[in-house]
Amino acid sequence: MVSVENGVVSQEQLLGLFLVGMFMTSYLVELGRGRIQRSRQPWRDAVFSGVGVLAQIGLSGPLLGGLVGVLAAALFPTSAGGWAHWPFWLAFFGFILLEDFLHYWLHRYAHEWRWLWRLHRTHHSGTAMNVGLVFRYNVFWTLMLPQAWFAALMVYMGLHEVYFAVTAVTFTVNVLTHMSSRWDLWLWQKVPGVWGLVCRVITTPDTHHAHHGMGRGANPRGNYAVVFFLWDTLFGTGKIPRARQLRIGLPHSGRLHWAEELFWPLVRKPLAPKPKR
């Protein structure tokens, strides 16, 4: 039940309901259309997504929120609510651009640094594009995400509405770009010039599916941005294939141990042997 006694609590609860509601609605739609079942291991994927949700709710949210909140109160004891007078749209665009820029570099380094890749690869070992990949995480990866660090700071400084809006927009784009539906191909046909410009600025299913793909047309070492593909365009990591990805996942997806995928570096397991042909 959403509280109305405290504005901050009410907004946090409402945001949580929005995020969970959007994810579950999208997941049920894809389940009903048989898109979840296209994975080689749909039950494993469902468990991984559930663990990812619990990690964000029970680990990264409370841990990082508490840590950042304590640090903010200690370092800026008289500044609580000090940013509340900022114009909404200025703060919104400033924080969503900064958060996405930081996520771009975290994501890029996660594909370039071996130890960070071991934390991130769980998100890529799923073998079919669907909305369940949004939370398919190693539990410790959730501690790396910039939005988890920004949340408490923005709330402490009085930007509750801005935090709500930034999180809602980022999550909506994340859901749309992970879903199996390729509605963007229709826009390529109807308004290629306009849509081509949009794709160079905003992340779309085309570019993010390519990031998860394998083989021709894929771009697993690029297309890193969550919201603003502009970063990939500027830093030379972008590829716009304008095509469906025929293969999703990693060459060794089926050989990774479930416990290492979820809990590395606490759990370390070797790859399973290649299946005999």
C-alpha atoms as a PDB file:
ATOM      1  CA  MET A   1       0.000   0.000   0.000  1.00  0.00           C
ATOM      2  CA  VAL A   2       1.353   3.420  -0.934  1.00  0.00           C
ATOM      3  CA  SER A   3       1.776   5.739   2.025  1.00  0.00           C
ATOM      4  CA  VAL A   4       0.469   9.305   1.788  1.00  0.00           C
ATOM      5  CA  GLU A   5       1.878  10.487   5.115  1.00  0.00           C
ATOM      6  CA  ASN A   6       5.366  11.134   3.846  1.00  0.00           C
ATOM      7  CA  GLY A   7       5.945  12.498   0.364  1.00  0.00           C
ATOM      8  CA  VAL A   8       9.341  10.861  -0.040  1.00  0.00           C
ATOM      9  CA  VAL A   9       8.151   7.402   0.983  1.00  0.00           C
ATOM     10  CA  SER A  10       5.106   7.727  -1.248  1.00  0.00           C
ATOM     11  CA  GLN A  11       7.233   8.591  -4.261  1.00  0.00           C
ATOM     12  CA  GLU A  12       9.677   5.755  -3.611  1.00  0.00           C
ATOM     13  CA  GLN A  13       6.823   3.270  -3.278  1.00  0.00           C
ATOM     14  CA  LEU A  14       5.124   4.594  -6.384  1.00  0.00           C
ATOM     15  CA  LEU A  15       8.363   4.311  -8.344  1.00  0.00           C
ATOM     16  CA  GLY A  16       8.820   0.732  -7.149  1.00  0.00           C
ATOM     17  CA  LEU A  17       5.274  -0.158  -8.208  1.00  0.00           C
ATOM     18  CA  PHE A  18       5.865   1.410 -11.619  1.00  0.00           C
ATOM     19  CA  LEU A  19       9.105  -0.476 -12.223  1.00  0.00           C
ATOM     20  CA  VAL A  20       7.784  -3.836 -11.034  1.00  0.00           C
ATOM     21  CA  GLY A  21       4.508  -3.334 -12.886  1.00  0.00           C
ATOM     22  CA  MET A  22       6.214  -2.480 -16.176  1.00  0.00           C
ATOM     23  CA  PHE A  23       8.617  -5.384 -15.901  1.00  0.00           C
ATOM     24  CA  MET A  24       5.966  -7.955 -14.971  1.00  0.00           C
ATOM     25  CA  THR A  25       3.552  -6.750 -17.654  1.00  0.00           C
ATOM     26  CA  SER A  26       6.265  -6.938 -20.317  1.00  0.00           C
ATOM     27  CA  TYR A  27       7.424 -10.322 -19.040  1.00  0.00           C
ATOM     28  CA  LEU A  28       3.903 -11.774 -19.132  1.00  0.00           C
ATOM     29  CA  VAL A  29       3.359 -10.410 -22.648  1.00  0.00           C
ATOM     30  CA  GLU A  30       6.543 -12.081 -23.864  1.00  0.00           C
ATOM     31  CA  LEU A  31       5.707 -15.266 -21.985  1.00  0.00           C
ATOM     32  CA  GLY A  32       2.269 -15.349 -23.596  1.00  0.00           C
ATOM     33  CA  ARG A  33       3.805 -14.878 -27.045  1.00  0.00           C
ATOM     34  CA  GLY A  34       6.274 -17.711 -26.467  1.00  0.00           C
ATOM     35  CA  ARG A  35       9.311 -15.417 -26.539  1.00  0.00           C
ATOM     36  CA  ILE A  36      10.645 -16.429 -23.110  1.00  0.00           C
ATOM     37  CA  GLN A  37      10.537 -20.087 -24.094  1.00  0.00           C
ATOM     38  CA  ARG A  38      12.874 -19.505 -27.042  1.00  0.00           C
ATOM     39  CA  SER A  39      15.810 -19.605 -24.658  1.00  0.00           C
ATOM     40  CA  ARG A  40      17.699 -22.888 -24.370  1.00  0.00           C
ATOM     41  CA  GLN A  41      17.220 -22.767 -20.583  1.00  0.00           C
ATOM     42  CA  PRO A  42      14.083 -20.710 -19.821  1.00  0.00           C
ATOM     43  CA  TRP A  43      13.786 -21.876 -16.200  1.00  0.00           C
ATOM     44  CA  ARG A  44      17.402 -20.991 -15.505  1.00  0.00           C
ATOM     45  CA  ASP A  45      16.852 -17.570 -17.056  1.00  0.00           C
ATOM     46  CA  ALA A  46      13.755 -17.013 -14.917  1.00  0.00           C
ATOM     47  CA  VAL A  47      15.654 -17.892 -11.729  1.00  0.00           C
ATOM     48  CA  PHE A  48      18.554 -15.616 -12.707  1.00  0.00           C
ATOM     49  CA  SER A  49      16.159 -12.724 -13.359  1.00  0.00           C
ATOM     50  CA  GLY A  50      14.484 -13.301 -10.011  1.00  0.00           C
ATOM     51  CA  VAL A  51      17.825 -13.291  -8.217  1.00  0.00           C
ATOM     52  CA  GLY A  52      18.737 -10.063 -10.025  1.00  0.00           C
ATOM     53  CA  VAL A  53      15.526  -8.395  -8.847  1.00  0.00           C
ATOM     54  CA  LEU A  54      16.145  -9.525  -5.266  1.00  0.00           C
ATOM     55  CA  ALA A  55      19.762  -8.308  -5.433  1.00  0.00           C
ATOM     56  CA  GLN A  56      18.660  -4.825  -6.438  1.00  0.00           C
ATOM     57  CA  ILE A  57      15.895  -4.708  -3.834  1.00  0.00           C
ATOM     58  CA  GLY A  58      17.740  -6.367  -0.979  1.00  0.00           C
ATOM     59  CA  LEU A  59      21.427  -5.648  -1.645  1.00  0.00           C
ATOM     60  CA  SER A  60      22.354  -2.701  -3.831  1.00  0.00           C
ATOM     61  CA  GLY A  61      19.390  -0.508  -2.841  1.00  0.00           C
ATOM     62  CA  PRO A  62      19.731  -0.706   0.952  1.00  0.00           C
ATOM     63  CA  LEU A  63      23.532  -1.068   1.023  1.00  0.00           C
ATOM     64  CA  LEU A  64      24.442   1.710  -1.395  1.00  0.00           C
ATOM     65  CA  GLY A  65      21.501   3.869  -0.401  1.00  0.00           C
ATOM     66  CA  GLY A  66      22.531   3.664   3.249  1.00  0.00           C
ATOM     67  CA  LEU A  67      26.219   4.194   2.495  1.00  0.00           C
ATOM     68  CA  VAL A  68      25.687   7.206   0.232  1.00  0.00           C
ATOM     69  CA  GLY A  69      23.098   8.625   2.612  1.00  0.00           C
ATOM     70  CA  VAL A  70      25.484   8.416   5.589  1.00  0.00           C
ATOM     71  CA  LEU A  71      28.354   9.910   3.581  1.00  0.00           C
ATOM     72  CA  ALA A  72      26.178  12.751   2.276  1.00  0.00           C
ATOM     73  CA  ALA A  73      24.928  13.560   5.771  1.00  0.00           C
ATOM     74  CA  ALA A  74      28.484  13.475   7.150  1.00  0.00           C
ATOM     75  CA  LEU A  75      30.073  15.530   4.368  1.00  0.00           C
ATOM     76  CA  PHE A  76      27.197  17.951   3.737  1.00  0.00           C
ATOM     77  CA  PRO A  77      25.239  18.073   7.016  1.00  0.00           C
ATOM     78  CA  THR A  78      23.648  21.437   6.260  1.00  0.00           C
ATOM     79  CA  SER A  79      22.934  20.795   2.576  1.00  0.00           C
ATOM     80  CA  ALA A  80      19.968  18.417   2.787  1.00  0.00           C
ATOM     81  CA  GLY A  81      17.459  19.554   0.192  1.00  0.00           C
ATOM     82  CA  GLY A  82      19.966  22.066  -1.139  1.00  0.00           C
ATOM     83  CA  TRP A  83      19.238  21.275  -4.782  1.00  0.00           C
ATOM     84  CA  ALA A  84      15.456  21.341  -4.454  1.00  0.00           C
ATOM     85  CA  HIS A  85      15.288  24.800  -6.056  1.00  0.00           C
ATOM     86  CA  TRP A  86      16.935  23.610  -9.297  1.00  0.00           C
ATOM     87  CA  PRO A  87      14.673  23.786 -12.368  1.00  0.00           C
ATOM     88  CA  PHE A  88      13.219  20.319 -12.977  1.00  0.00           C
ATOM     89  CA  TRP A  89      14.184  19.956 -16.647  1.00  0.00           C
ATOM     90  CA  LEU A  90      17.704  21.268 -16.120  1.00  0.00           C
ATOM     91  CA  ALA A  91      18.287  18.761 -13.310  1.00  0.00           C
ATOM     92  CA  PHE A  92      16.565  15.954 -15.248  1.00  0.00           C
ATOM     93  CA  PHE A  93      18.674  16.282 -18.391  1.00  0.00           C
ATOM     94  CA  GLY A  94      21.829  16.923 -16.395  1.00  0.00           C
ATOM     95  CA  PHE A  95      21.486  13.778 -14.290  1.00  0.00           C
ATOM     96  CA  ILE A  96      20.195  11.441 -16.995  1.00  0.00           C
ATOM     97  CA  LEU A  97      23.059  12.451 -19.288  1.00  0.00           C
ATOM     98  CA  LEU A  98      25.654  12.097 -16.515  1.00  0.00           C
ATOM     99  CA  GLU A  99      24.269   8.749 -15.317  1.00  0.00           C
ATOM    100  CA  ASP A 100      24.112   7.328 -18.836  1.00  0.00           C
ATOM    101  CA  PHE A 101      27.603   8.624 -19.643  1.00  0.00           C
ATOM    102  CA  LEU A 102      29.017   6.864 -16.568  1.00  0.00           C
ATOM    103  CA  HIS A 103      27.084   3.696 -17.406  1.00  0.00           C
ATOM    104  CA  TYR A 104      28.484   3.772 -20.940  1.00  0.00           C
ATOM    105  CA  TRP A 105      32.048   3.652 -19.597  1.00  0.00           C
ATOM    106  CA  LEU A 106      31.259   1.067 -16.923  1.00  0.00           C
ATOM    107  CA  HIS A 107      29.626  -1.113 -19.573  1.00  0.00           C
ATOM    108  CA  ARG A 108      32.470  -0.592 -22.033  1.00  0.00           C
ATOM    109  CA  TYR A 109      35.123  -1.490 -19.461  1.00  0.00           C
ATOM    110  CA  ALA A 110      33.037  -4.536 -18.496  1.00  0.00           C
ATOM    111  CA  HIS A 111      33.698  -5.839 -21.997  1.00  0.00           C
ATOM    112  CA  GLU A 112      37.381  -4.853 -21.964  1.00  0.00           C
ATOM    113  CA  TRP A 113      38.560  -5.731 -18.430  1.00  0.00           C
ATOM    114  CA  ARG A 114      38.556  -9.447 -17.667  1.00  0.00           C
ATOM    115  CA  TRP A 115      37.617  -9.214 -13.981  1.00  0.00           C
ATOM    116  CA  LEU A 116      34.752  -6.829 -14.677  1.00  0.00           C
ATOM    117  CA  TRP A 117      33.563  -9.015 -17.548  1.00  0.00           C
ATOM    118  CA  ARG A 118      33.234 -11.930 -15.125  1.00  0.00           C
ATOM    119  CA  LEU A 119      30.719  -9.830 -13.193  1.00  0.00           C
ATOM    120  CA  HIS A 120      28.857  -8.705 -16.306  1.00  0.00           C
ATOM    121  CA  ARG A 121      28.795 -11.800 -18.517  1.00  0.00           C
ATOM    122  CA  THR A 122      25.730 -13.257 -16.743  1.00  0.00           C
ATOM    123  CA  HIS A 123      23.731 -10.591 -18.543  1.00  0.00           C
ATOM    124  CA  HIS A 124      25.060 -11.877 -21.866  1.00  0.00           C
ATOM    125  CA  SER A 125      24.835 -15.629 -21.393  1.00  0.00           C
ATOM    126  CA  GLY A 126      21.085 -15.673 -22.027  1.00  0.00           C
ATOM    127  CA  THR A 127      20.409 -17.256 -25.425  1.00  0.00           C
ATOM    128  CA  ALA A 128      17.292 -15.352 -26.493  1.00  0.00           C
ATOM    129  CA  MET A 129      16.359 -11.677 -26.431  1.00  0.00           C
ATOM    130  CA  ASN A 130      13.513 -11.013 -24.031  1.00  0.00           C
ATOM    131  CA  VAL A 131      12.704  -8.642 -21.210  1.00  0.00           C
ATOM    132  CA  GLY A 132      13.967 -11.137 -18.619  1.00  0.00           C
ATOM    133  CA  LEU A 133      17.519 -10.115 -19.549  1.00  0.00           C
ATOM    134  CA  VAL A 134      16.937  -6.741 -17.883  1.00  0.00           C
ATOM    135  CA  PHE A 135      17.560  -8.334 -14.458  1.00  0.00           C
ATOM    136  CA  ARG A 136      19.731 -11.268 -15.540  1.00  0.00           C
ATOM    137  CA  TYR A 137      22.698 -10.226 -13.397  1.00  0.00           C
ATOM    138  CA  ASN A 138      25.464 -11.461 -11.170  1.00  0.00           C
ATOM    139  CA  VAL A 139      24.349 -10.181  -7.759  1.00  0.00           C
ATOM    140  CA  PHE A 140      27.510  -8.086  -7.315  1.00  0.00           C
ATOM    141  CA  TRP A 141      27.081  -6.354 -10.674  1.00  0.00           C
ATOM    142  CA  THR A 142      24.162  -4.467  -9.151  1.00  0.00           C
ATOM    143  CA  LEU A 143      26.645  -2.749  -6.813  1.00  0.00           C
ATOM    144  CA  MET A 144      28.470  -1.265  -9.800  1.00  0.00           C
ATOM    145  CA  LEU A 145      25.524   0.489 -11.447  1.00  0.00           C
ATOM    146  CA  PRO A 146      25.672   4.310 -11.371  1.00  0.00           C
ATOM    147  CA  GLN A 147      21.938   4.700 -10.732  1.00  0.00           C
ATOM    148  CA  ALA A 148      22.287   2.833  -7.437  1.00  0.00           C
ATOM    149  CA  TRP A 149      24.884   5.388  -6.304  1.00  0.00           C
ATOM    150  CA  PHE A 150      22.953   8.409  -7.544  1.00  0.00           C
ATOM    151  CA  ALA A 151      19.655   7.477  -5.892  1.00  0.00           C
ATOM    152  CA  ALA A 152      20.405   8.382  -2.273  1.00  0.00           C
ATOM    153  CA  LEU A 153      22.361  11.507  -3.207  1.00  0.00           C
ATOM    154  CA  MET A 154      19.532  12.891  -5.341  1.00  0.00           C
ATOM    155  CA  VAL A 155      16.941  12.161  -2.662  1.00  0.00           C
ATOM    156  CA  TYR A 156      19.134  13.665   0.086  1.00  0.00           C
ATOM    157  CA  MET A 157      19.642  16.822  -1.963  1.00  0.00           C
ATOM    158  CA  GLY A 158      15.915  17.254  -2.582  1.00  0.00           C
ATOM    159  CA  LEU A 159      15.610  16.020  -6.182  1.00  0.00           C
ATOM    160  CA  HIS A 160      12.954  13.379  -5.497  1.00  0.00           C
ATOM    161  CA  GLU A 161      10.889  14.088  -8.609  1.00  0.00           C
ATOM    162  CA  VAL A 162      13.994  14.221 -10.798  1.00  0.00           C
ATOM    163  CA  TYR A 163      15.205  10.871  -9.465  1.00  0.00           C
ATOM    164  CA  PHE A 164      11.763   9.379 -10.131  1.00  0.00           C
ATOM    165  CA  ALA A 165      11.713  10.679 -13.708  1.00  0.00           C
ATOM    166  CA  VAL A 166      15.305   9.683 -14.549  1.00  0.00           C
ATOM    167  CA  THR A 167      14.790   6.163 -13.207  1.00  0.00           C
ATOM    168  CA  ALA A 168      11.442   5.756 -14.970  1.00  0.00           C
ATOM    169  CA  VAL A 169      12.799   6.872 -18.357  1.00  0.00           C
ATOM    170  CA  THR A 170      15.987   4.814 -18.076  1.00  0.00           C
ATOM    171  CA  PHE A 171      14.101   1.678 -17.064  1.00  0.00           C
ATOM    172  CA  THR A 172      11.495   2.130 -19.813  1.00  0.00           C
ATOM    173  CA  VAL A 173      14.192   2.364 -22.489  1.00  0.00           C
ATOM    174  CA  ASN A 174      15.969  -0.634 -20.952  1.00  0.00           C
ATOM    175  CA  VAL A 175      12.789  -2.728 -21.127  1.00  0.00           C
ATOM    176  CA  LEU A 176      11.969  -1.707 -24.698  1.00  0.00           C
ATOM    177  CA  THR A 177      15.461  -2.452 -25.997  1.00  0.00           C
ATOM    178  CA  HIS A 178      15.605  -5.910 -24.396  1.00  0.00           C
ATOM    179  CA  MET A 179      12.176  -7.102 -25.526  1.00  0.00           C
ATOM    180  CA  SER A 180      12.055  -9.500 -28.463  1.00  0.00           C
ATOM    181  CA  SER A 181       9.679  -7.262 -30.437  1.00  0.00           C
ATOM    182  CA  ARG A 182      11.336  -5.468 -33.353  1.00  0.00           C
ATOM    183  CA  TRP A 183       8.847  -2.639 -33.862  1.00  0.00           C
ATOM    184  CA  ASP A 184      11.769  -0.444 -34.872  1.00  0.00           C
ATOM    185  CA  LEU A 185      12.145  -2.293 -38.191  1.00  0.00           C
ATOM    186  CA  TRP A 186       8.710  -0.971 -39.165  1.00  0.00           C
ATOM    187  CA  LEU A 187       9.918   2.583 -38.473  1.00  0.00           C
ATOM    188  CA  TRP A 188      12.996   1.954 -40.613  1.00  0.00           C
ATOM    189  CA  GLN A 189      10.630   1.162 -43.492  1.00  0.00           C
ATOM    190  CA  LYS A 190       8.192   4.043 -42.931  1.00  0.00           C
ATOM    191  CA  VAL A 191      10.465   6.936 -41.922  1.00  0.00           C
ATOM    192  CA  PRO A 192      14.050   5.842 -42.642  1.00  0.00           C
ATOM    193  CA  GLY A 193      15.546   9.336 -42.593  1.00  0.00           C
ATOM    194  CA  VAL A 194      13.989  10.427 -39.321  1.00  0.00           C
ATOM    195  CA  TRP A 195      14.477   7.062 -37.659  1.00  0.00           C
ATOM    196  CA  GLY A 196      18.080   6.873 -38.816  1.00  0.00           C
ATOM    197  CA  LEU A 197      18.741  10.158 -37.031  1.00  0.00           C
ATOM    198  CA  VAL A 198      16.962   8.940 -33.887  1.00  0.00           C
ATOM    199  CA  CYS A 199      19.060   5.753 -33.855  1.00  0.00           C
ATOM    200  CA  ARG A 200      22.259   7.757 -33.757  1.00  0.00           C
ATOM    201  CA  VAL A 201      21.109   9.500 -30.593  1.00  0.00           C
ATOM    202  CA  ILE A 202      18.849   7.063 -28.708  1.00  0.00           C
ATOM    203  CA  THR A 203      19.426   3.359 -28.046  1.00  0.00           C
ATOM    204  CA  THR A 204      16.914   1.184 -29.928  1.00  0.00           C
ATOM    205  CA  PRO A 205      16.162  -2.558 -30.111  1.00  0.00           C
ATOM    206  CA  ASP A 206      18.272  -2.743 -33.284  1.00  0.00           C
ATOM    207  CA  THR A 207      21.449  -1.506 -31.639  1.00  0.00           C
ATOM    208  CA  HIS A 208      20.991  -3.275 -28.325  1.00  0.00           C
ATOM    209  CA  HIS A 209      20.037  -6.611 -29.873  1.00  0.00           C
ATOM    210  CA  ALA A 210      23.256  -6.322 -31.889  1.00  0.00           C
ATOM    211  CA  HIS A 211      25.156  -5.881 -28.617  1.00  0.00           C
ATOM    212  CA  HIS A 212      23.771  -9.224 -27.393  1.00  0.00           C
ATOM    213  CA  GLY A 213      24.190 -10.933 -30.760  1.00  0.00           C
ATOM    214  CA  MET A 214      26.786 -13.256 -32.270  1.00  0.00           C
ATOM    215  CA  GLY A 215      27.931 -13.474 -35.849  1.00  0.00           C
ATOM    216  CA  ARG A 216      27.251 -11.265 -38.826  1.00  0.00           C
ATOM    217  CA  GLY A 217      25.531  -8.001 -37.966  1.00  0.00           C
ATOM    218  CA  ALA A 218      26.304  -8.266 -34.252  1.00  0.00           C
ATOM    219  CA  ASN A 219      28.355  -5.793 -32.232  1.00  0.00           C
ATOM    220  CA  PRO A 220      29.186  -7.354 -28.840  1.00  0.00           C
ATOM    221  CA  ARG A 221      32.189  -5.043 -28.406  1.00  0.00           C
ATOM    222  CA  GLY A 222      30.145  -1.897 -28.898  1.00  0.00           C
ATOM    223  CA  ASN A 223      26.635  -0.400 -28.594  1.00  0.00           C
ATOM    224  CA  TYR A 224      27.197   0.067 -24.867  1.00  0.00           C
ATOM    225  CA  ALA A 225      24.833   2.947 -24.039  1.00  0.00           C
ATOM    226  CA  VAL A 226      21.579   2.316 -22.176  1.00  0.00           C
ATOM    227  CA  VAL A 227      19.640   5.431 -23.203  1.00  0.00           C
ATOM    228  CA  PHE A 228      21.800   7.697 -25.358  1.00  0.00           C
ATOM    229  CA  PHE A 229      23.396   5.909 -28.304  1.00  0.00           C
ATOM    230  CA  LEU A 230      25.013   9.291 -28.822  1.00  0.00           C
ATOM    231  CA  TRP A 231      27.937   8.070 -26.675  1.00  0.00           C
ATOM    232  CA  ASP A 232      28.574   5.144 -29.028  1.00  0.00           C
ATOM    233  CA  THR A 233      28.308   7.497 -31.991  1.00  0.00           C
ATOM    234  CA  LEU A 234      30.797   9.958 -30.473  1.00  0.00           C
ATOM    235  CA  PHE A 235      33.320   7.363 -29.246  1.00  0.00           C
ATOM    236  CA  GLY A 236      33.257   5.130 -32.313  1.00  0.00           C
ATOM    237  CA  THR A 237      31.705   2.034 -30.719  1.00  0.00           C
ATOM    238  CA  GLY A 238      28.348   2.211 -32.466  1.00  0.00           C
ATOM    239  CA  LYS A 239      26.943  -0.074 -35.153  1.00  0.00           C
ATOM    240  CA  ILE A 240      23.425   0.104 -36.601  1.00  0.00           C
ATOM    241  CA  PRO A 241      22.745  -3.174 -38.438  1.00  0.00           C
ATOM    242  CA  ARG A 242      19.056  -2.616 -39.340  1.00  0.00           C
ATOM    243  CA  ALA A 243      18.472  -6.382 -39.097  1.00  0.00           C
ATOM    244  CA  ARG A 244      17.366  -9.145 -36.755  1.00  0.00           C
ATOM    245  CA  GLN A 245      20.045 -11.005 -34.840  1.00  0.00           C
ATOM    246  CA  LEU A 246      20.080 -14.710 -35.709  1.00  0.00           C
ATOM    247  CA  ARG A 247      22.071 -15.773 -32.638  1.00  0.00           C
ATOM    248  CA  ILE A 248      22.035 -14.374 -29.092  1.00  0.00           C
ATOM    249  CA  GLY A 249      24.351 -15.131 -26.188  1.00  0.00           C
ATOM    250  CA  LEU A 250      27.910 -16.387 -25.774  1.00  0.00           C
ATOM    251  CA  PRO A 251      29.649 -19.291 -27.545  1.00  0.00           C
ATOM    252  CA  HIS A 252      29.995 -21.038 -24.191  1.00  0.00           C
ATOM    253  CA  SER A 253      26.643 -19.991 -22.649  1.00  0.00           C
ATOM    254  CA  GLY A 254      25.582 -23.545 -21.919  1.00  0.00           C
ATOM    255  CA  ARG A 255      28.870 -24.467 -20.234  1.00  0.00           C
ATOM    256  CA  LEU A 256      28.910 -21.841 -17.481  1.00  0.00           C
ATOM    257  CA  HIS A 257      28.175 -23.007 -13.944  1.00  0.00           C
ATOM    258  CA  TRP A 258      25.048 -21.390 -12.512  1.00  0.00           C
ATOM    259  CA  ALA A 259      26.656 -20.588  -9.135  1.00  0.00           C
ATOM    260  CA  GLU A 260      29.619 -18.802 -10.719  1.00  0.00           C
ATOM    261  CA  GLU A 261      27.306 -16.831 -12.986  1.00  0.00           C
ATOM    262  CA  LEU A 262      25.350 -15.553 -10.008  1.00  0.00           C
ATOM    263  CA  PHE A 263      28.008 -15.253  -7.308  1.00  0.00           C
ATOM    264  CA  TRP A 264      31.454 -14.784  -8.879  1.00  0.00           C
ATOM    265  CA  PRO A 265      33.984 -13.970  -7.388  1.00  0.00           C
ATOM    266  CA  LEU A 266      32.743 -15.793  -4.272  1.00  0.00           C
ATOM    267  CA  VAL A 267      32.117 -18.910  -6.356  1.00  0.00           C
ATOM    268  CA  ARG A 268      34.561 -20.029  -9.040  1.00  0.00           C
ATOM    269  CA  LYS A 269      33.814 -23.013 -11.241  1.00  0.00           C
ATOM    270  CA  PRO A 270      35.437 -24.316 -14.443  1.00  0.00           C
ATOM    271  CA  LEU A 271      33.565 -24.476 -17.722  1.00  0.00           C
ATOM    272  CA  ALA A 272      31.718 -27.715 -18.296  1.00  0.00           C
ATOM    273  CA  PRO A 273      33.251 -29.940 -21.018  1.00  0.00           C
ATOM    274  CA  LYS A 274      32.121 -29.363 -24.569  1.00  0.00           C
ATOM    275  CA  PRO A 275      29.281 -31.712 -25.510  1.00  0.00           C
ATOM    276  CA  LYS A 276      30.302 -34.631 -27.688  1.00  0.00           C
ATOM    277  CA  ARG A 277      28.991 -34.657 -31.223  1.00  0.00           C
END
